[in-house]
Amino acid sequence: MLSQNGNDGSLKDINVKGEVVFCERGMEISRLDQGKVVKAAGGGATLLVNQEQEGFTTYTDPHVLPASHLSYAAGLNVKHYKHNL
């Protein structure tokens, strides 16, 4: 499942129950709040994808769901894979 930014309401009309939700970082919402939005929508986990300038940077955060940080390049690969299923 893909989500552009994980902002509150961005998953309103999408069934993400139990799904891993792809969230792009660097938007107007914190990494932790993105997870809270996913959890509130019923999602099971988040993939937090860096913006290009963040490269391979990862953070240790107390996430509310299982979460993994992906580099910008890895995020592009996931997007490409998802769009070509």
C-alpha atoms as a PDB file:
ATOM      1  CA  MET A   1       0.000   0.000   0.000  1.00  0.00           C
ATOM      2  CA  LEU A   2       1.320   3.448  -0.807  1.00  0.00           C
ATOM      3  CA  SER A   3       0.717   6.725   0.954  1.00  0.00           C
ATOM      4  CA  GLN A   4       2.210   9.919  -0.339  1.00  0.00           C
ATOM      5  CA  ASN A   5       2.896  11.602   2.950  1.00  0.00           C
ATOM      6  CA  GLY A   6       1.161  10.023   5.918  1.00  0.00           C
ATOM      7  CA  ASN A   7      -0.578  13.288   6.831  1.00  0.00           C
ATOM      8  CA  ASP A   8      -3.670  13.080   8.975  1.00  0.00           C
ATOM      9  CA  GLY A   9      -6.534  12.203   6.646  1.00  0.00           C
ATOM     10  CA  SER A  10      -4.323  10.935   3.812  1.00  0.00           C
ATOM     11  CA  LEU A  11      -5.502   7.368   4.465  1.00  0.00           C
ATOM     12  CA  LYS A  12      -9.131   8.323   5.078  1.00  0.00           C
ATOM     13  CA  ASP A  13     -10.630   6.455   2.129  1.00  0.00           C
ATOM     14  CA  ILE A  14      -8.018   3.695   1.828  1.00  0.00           C
ATOM     15  CA  ASN A  15      -8.302   0.293   3.501  1.00  0.00           C
ATOM     16  CA  VAL A  16      -4.902  -0.246   5.119  1.00  0.00           C
ATOM     17  CA  LYS A  17      -6.039  -2.639   7.844  1.00  0.00           C
ATOM     18  CA  GLY A  18      -3.045  -4.805   8.726  1.00  0.00           C
ATOM     19  CA  GLU A  19      -1.030  -3.465   5.775  1.00  0.00           C
ATOM     20  CA  VAL A  20       2.497  -2.096   5.625  1.00  0.00           C
ATOM     21  CA  VAL A  21       2.134   1.553   4.596  1.00  0.00           C
ATOM     22  CA  PHE A  22       4.812   3.348   2.564  1.00  0.00           C
ATOM     23  CA  CYS A  23       5.329   6.904   3.858  1.00  0.00           C
ATOM     24  CA  GLU A  24       7.627   9.487   2.337  1.00  0.00           C
ATOM     25  CA  ARG A  25       9.523  11.482   4.934  1.00  0.00           C
ATOM     26  CA  GLY A  26      10.200  15.186   4.922  1.00  0.00           C
ATOM     27  CA  MET A  27       6.614  16.264   4.580  1.00  0.00           C
ATOM     28  CA  GLU A  28       4.760  18.486   7.031  1.00  0.00           C
ATOM     29  CA  ILE A  29       4.424  15.696   9.590  1.00  0.00           C
ATOM     30  CA  SER A  30       6.965  14.029  11.864  1.00  0.00           C
ATOM     31  CA  ARG A  31       8.126  10.436  11.489  1.00  0.00           C
ATOM     32  CA  LEU A  32       6.331   9.489  14.692  1.00  0.00           C
ATOM     33  CA  ASP A  33       3.112  11.225  13.706  1.00  0.00           C
ATOM     34  CA  GLN A  34       3.132   9.398  10.372  1.00  0.00           C
ATOM     35  CA  GLY A  35       3.072   6.141  12.314  1.00  0.00           C
ATOM     36  CA  LYS A  36       0.218   7.402  14.478  1.00  0.00           C
ATOM     37  CA  VAL A  37      -1.810   8.225  11.355  1.00  0.00           C
ATOM     38  CA  VAL A  38      -1.129   4.755   9.943  1.00  0.00           C
ATOM     39  CA  LYS A  39      -2.073   3.120  13.255  1.00  0.00           C
ATOM     40  CA  ALA A  40      -5.295   5.149  13.516  1.00  0.00           C
ATOM     41  CA  ALA A  41      -6.222   3.958  10.013  1.00  0.00           C
ATOM     42  CA  GLY A  42      -5.636   0.327  11.048  1.00  0.00           C
ATOM     43  CA  GLY A  43      -2.277  -0.143   9.349  1.00  0.00           C
ATOM     44  CA  GLY A  44       0.113  -2.750  10.673  1.00  0.00           C
ATOM     45  CA  ALA A  45       3.513  -1.157   9.987  1.00  0.00           C
ATOM     46  CA  THR A  46       5.252   1.703   8.200  1.00  0.00           C
ATOM     47  CA  LEU A  47       8.070   2.016   5.706  1.00  0.00           C
ATOM     48  CA  LEU A  48       9.532   5.496   6.128  1.00  0.00           C
ATOM     49  CA  VAL A  49      11.341   6.557   2.984  1.00  0.00           C
ATOM     50  CA  ASN A  50      14.007   9.254   3.019  1.00  0.00           C
ATOM     51  CA  GLN A  51      14.012  12.261   0.759  1.00  0.00           C
ATOM     52  CA  GLU A  52      16.919  12.353  -1.703  1.00  0.00           C
ATOM     53  CA  GLN A  53      19.025  14.740   0.402  1.00  0.00           C
ATOM     54  CA  GLU A  54      18.787  12.414   3.435  1.00  0.00           C
ATOM     55  CA  GLY A  55      20.451   9.540   1.595  1.00  0.00           C
ATOM     56  CA  PHE A  56      21.007   6.546   3.875  1.00  0.00           C
ATOM     57  CA  THR A  57      20.339   8.348   7.171  1.00  0.00           C
ATOM     58  CA  THR A  58      18.334   6.384   9.725  1.00  0.00           C
ATOM     59  CA  TYR A  59      16.972   7.384  13.111  1.00  0.00           C
ATOM     60  CA  THR A  60      16.123   5.600  16.315  1.00  0.00           C
ATOM     61  CA  ASP A  61      12.595   6.605  17.196  1.00  0.00           C
ATOM     62  CA  PRO A  62      10.020   5.104  19.571  1.00  0.00           C
ATOM     63  CA  HIS A  63       7.531   4.163  16.846  1.00  0.00           C
ATOM     64  CA  VAL A  64       3.947   3.186  17.672  1.00  0.00           C
ATOM     65  CA  LEU A  65       4.011   0.420  15.034  1.00  0.00           C
ATOM     66  CA  PRO A  66       6.762  -1.726  13.563  1.00  0.00           C
ATOM     67  CA  ALA A  67       8.687   0.608  11.266  1.00  0.00           C
ATOM     68  CA  SER A  68      11.672   0.554   8.974  1.00  0.00           C
ATOM     69  CA  HIS A  69      13.596   3.419   7.401  1.00  0.00           C
ATOM     70  CA  LEU A  70      14.527   3.137   3.726  1.00  0.00           C
ATOM     71  CA  SER A  71      17.030   5.141   1.738  1.00  0.00           C
ATOM     72  CA  TYR A  72      15.758   7.332  -1.062  1.00  0.00           C
ATOM     73  CA  ALA A  73      17.127   4.883  -3.661  1.00  0.00           C
ATOM     74  CA  ALA A  74      15.462   1.904  -1.973  1.00  0.00           C
ATOM     75  CA  GLY A  75      12.209   3.859  -1.820  1.00  0.00           C
ATOM     76  CA  LEU A  76      12.349   4.459  -5.564  1.00  0.00           C
ATOM     77  CA  ASN A  77      12.820   0.720  -6.076  1.00  0.00           C
ATOM     78  CA  VAL A  78       9.786  -0.068  -3.909  1.00  0.00           C
ATOM     79  CA  LYS A  79       7.678   2.474  -5.818  1.00  0.00           C
ATOM     80  CA  HIS A  80       8.806   1.031  -9.150  1.00  0.00           C
ATOM     81  CA  TYR A  81       8.035  -2.511  -8.003  1.00  0.00           C
ATOM     82  CA  LYS A  82       4.597  -1.574  -6.658  1.00  0.00           C
ATOM     83  CA  HIS A  83       3.607   0.292  -9.817  1.00  0.00           C
ATOM     84  CA  ASN A  84       4.675  -2.620 -12.019  1.00  0.00           C
ATOM     85  CA  LEU A  85       2.770  -5.416 -10.266  1.00  0.00           C
END
